[in-house]
């Protein structure tokens, strides 16, 4: 077990790993924002198409961050629900 400078034991995260995670987070945010923009602005989009886009974006997010279902449900699910309510007057 290695101690860091403060004397606490912990897992070291390399600069490269941290940079890669930040890159994935930015990519996820961009993807989710694009999906939300398409749902909000495409007048020809049906409820079913929008729902499929949301389901596909969830799959992609969980592929990028496996095991983070709770984080998705807390962060992105309410935003998509609000958008669907506003756009299609449902949910």
C-alpha atoms as a PDB file:
ATOM      1  CA  UNK A   1       0.000   0.000   0.000  1.00  0.00           C
ATOM      2  CA  UNK A   2       1.351   3.383  -1.013  1.00  0.00           C
ATOM      3  CA  UNK A   3       0.668   6.624   0.769  1.00  0.00           C
ATOM      4  CA  UNK A   4       0.200   9.887  -1.066  1.00  0.00           C
ATOM      5  CA  UNK A   5       1.782  13.177   0.042  1.00  0.00           C
ATOM      6  CA  UNK A   6      -0.907  13.762   2.655  1.00  0.00           C
ATOM      7  CA  UNK A   7      -0.245  10.327   4.137  1.00  0.00           C
ATOM      8  CA  UNK A   8      -3.575   8.876   3.038  1.00  0.00           C
ATOM      9  CA  UNK A   9      -3.762   5.534   1.311  1.00  0.00           C
ATOM     10  CA  UNK A  10      -5.649   5.568  -1.958  1.00  0.00           C
ATOM     11  CA  UNK A  11      -5.757   4.542  -5.562  1.00  0.00           C
ATOM     12  CA  UNK A  12      -3.607   6.665  -7.809  1.00  0.00           C
ATOM     13  CA  UNK A  13      -5.230   7.976 -10.929  1.00  0.00           C
ATOM     14  CA  UNK A  14      -2.740   8.904 -13.587  1.00  0.00           C
ATOM     15  CA  UNK A  15      -2.875  12.162 -15.454  1.00  0.00           C
ATOM     16  CA  UNK A  16      -3.593  10.233 -18.656  1.00  0.00           C
ATOM     17  CA  UNK A  17      -6.526   8.359 -17.088  1.00  0.00           C
ATOM     18  CA  UNK A  18      -7.968  11.592 -15.737  1.00  0.00           C
ATOM     19  CA  UNK A  19      -7.591  13.267 -19.144  1.00  0.00           C
ATOM     20  CA  UNK A  20      -9.261  10.304 -20.860  1.00  0.00           C
ATOM     21  CA  UNK A  21     -12.179  10.416 -18.423  1.00  0.00           C
ATOM     22  CA  UNK A  22     -12.587  14.168 -18.989  1.00  0.00           C
ATOM     23  CA  UNK A  23     -12.573  13.539 -22.743  1.00  0.00           C
ATOM     24  CA  UNK A  24     -15.331  10.924 -22.347  1.00  0.00           C
ATOM     25  CA  UNK A  25     -17.359  13.266 -20.154  1.00  0.00           C
ATOM     26  CA  UNK A  26     -17.111  16.070 -22.741  1.00  0.00           C
ATOM     27  CA  UNK A  27     -18.100  13.632 -25.505  1.00  0.00           C
ATOM     28  CA  UNK A  28     -21.087  12.445 -23.456  1.00  0.00           C
ATOM     29  CA  UNK A  29     -22.217  16.019 -22.763  1.00  0.00           C
ATOM     30  CA  UNK A  30     -21.941  16.917 -26.437  1.00  0.00           C
ATOM     31  CA  UNK A  31     -23.900  13.826 -27.476  1.00  0.00           C
ATOM     32  CA  UNK A  32     -26.671  14.438 -24.934  1.00  0.00           C
ATOM     33  CA  UNK A  33     -26.916  18.120 -25.864  1.00  0.00           C
ATOM     34  CA  UNK A  34     -27.199  17.220 -29.537  1.00  0.00           C
ATOM     35  CA  UNK A  35     -29.979  14.711 -28.838  1.00  0.00           C
ATOM     36  CA  UNK A  36     -31.821  17.288 -26.759  1.00  0.00           C
ATOM     37  CA  UNK A  37     -31.451  19.929 -29.478  1.00  0.00           C
ATOM     38  CA  UNK A  38     -32.788  17.605 -32.174  1.00  0.00           C
ATOM     39  CA  UNK A  39     -35.778  16.648 -30.022  1.00  0.00           C
ATOM     40  CA  UNK A  40     -36.492  20.282 -29.189  1.00  0.00           C
ATOM     41  CA  UNK A  41     -36.083  21.710 -32.691  1.00  0.00           C
ATOM     42  CA  UNK A  42     -37.065  19.056 -35.258  1.00  0.00           C
ATOM     43  CA  UNK A  43     -40.754  19.661 -35.911  1.00  0.00           C
ATOM     44  CA  UNK A  44     -41.083  16.452 -37.945  1.00  0.00           C
ATOM     45  CA  UNK A  45     -39.859  14.247 -35.090  1.00  0.00           C
ATOM     46  CA  UNK A  46     -42.470  11.889 -33.656  1.00  0.00           C
ATOM     47  CA  UNK A  47     -42.812  10.877 -30.020  1.00  0.00           C
ATOM     48  CA  UNK A  48     -41.646   7.366 -30.921  1.00  0.00           C
ATOM     49  CA  UNK A  49     -38.567   8.680 -32.730  1.00  0.00           C
ATOM     50  CA  UNK A  50     -37.680  10.937 -29.817  1.00  0.00           C
ATOM     51  CA  UNK A  51     -38.147   8.086 -27.349  1.00  0.00           C
ATOM     52  CA  UNK A  52     -35.891   5.872 -29.455  1.00  0.00           C
ATOM     53  CA  UNK A  53     -33.240   8.591 -29.574  1.00  0.00           C
ATOM     54  CA  UNK A  54     -33.347   8.850 -25.788  1.00  0.00           C
ATOM     55  CA  UNK A  55     -33.084   5.070 -25.392  1.00  0.00           C
ATOM     56  CA  UNK A  56     -30.149   4.962 -27.822  1.00  0.00           C
ATOM     57  CA  UNK A  57     -28.394   7.807 -26.020  1.00  0.00           C
ATOM     58  CA  UNK A  58     -28.805   5.936 -22.721  1.00  0.00           C
ATOM     59  CA  UNK A  59     -27.224   2.819 -24.238  1.00  0.00           C
ATOM     60  CA  UNK A  60     -24.344   4.883 -25.586  1.00  0.00           C
ATOM     61  CA  UNK A  61     -23.829   6.644 -22.240  1.00  0.00           C
ATOM     62  CA  UNK A  62     -23.745   3.344 -20.361  1.00  0.00           C
ATOM     63  CA  UNK A  63     -21.346   1.899 -22.923  1.00  0.00           C
ATOM     64  CA  UNK A  64     -19.027   4.839 -22.257  1.00  0.00           C
ATOM     65  CA  UNK A  65     -19.500   4.619 -18.476  1.00  0.00           C
ATOM     66  CA  UNK A  66     -20.459   1.043 -17.517  1.00  0.00           C
ATOM     67  CA  UNK A  67     -22.215   0.650 -14.193  1.00  0.00           C
ATOM     68  CA  UNK A  68     -23.289   4.300 -14.002  1.00  0.00           C
ATOM     69  CA  UNK A  69     -27.027   3.732 -14.411  1.00  0.00           C
ATOM     70  CA  UNK A  70     -27.805   5.663 -11.226  1.00  0.00           C
ATOM     71  CA  UNK A  71     -25.816   8.670 -12.408  1.00  0.00           C
ATOM     72  CA  UNK A  72     -27.683   8.606 -15.736  1.00  0.00           C
ATOM     73  CA  UNK A  73     -31.026   8.335 -13.942  1.00  0.00           C
ATOM     74  CA  UNK A  74     -30.189  11.250 -11.661  1.00  0.00           C
ATOM     75  CA  UNK A  75     -28.639  13.582 -14.238  1.00  0.00           C
ATOM     76  CA  UNK A  76     -29.998  12.920 -17.706  1.00  0.00           C
ATOM     77  CA  UNK A  77     -33.337  11.147 -17.246  1.00  0.00           C
ATOM     78  CA  UNK A  78     -35.075  14.150 -15.596  1.00  0.00           C
ATOM     79  CA  UNK A  79     -33.804  16.449 -18.339  1.00  0.00           C
ATOM     80  CA  UNK A  80     -35.155  14.179 -21.061  1.00  0.00           C
ATOM     81  CA  UNK A  81     -38.468  13.798 -19.213  1.00  0.00           C
ATOM     82  CA  UNK A  82     -38.828  17.569 -18.919  1.00  0.00           C
ATOM     83  CA  UNK A  83     -37.972  18.007 -22.601  1.00  0.00           C
ATOM     84  CA  UNK A  84     -40.526  15.379 -23.666  1.00  0.00           C
ATOM     85  CA  UNK A  85     -43.183  17.046 -21.498  1.00  0.00           C
ATOM     86  CA  UNK A  86     -42.449  20.442 -23.021  1.00  0.00           C
ATOM     87  CA  UNK A  87     -42.102  19.224 -26.611  1.00  0.00           C
ATOM     88  CA  UNK A  88     -44.933  16.693 -26.818  1.00  0.00           C
ATOM     89  CA  UNK A  89     -47.044  17.641 -23.785  1.00  0.00           C
ATOM     90  CA  UNK A  90     -46.697  14.130 -22.359  1.00  0.00           C
ATOM     91  CA  UNK A  91     -45.304  12.274 -19.349  1.00  0.00           C
END
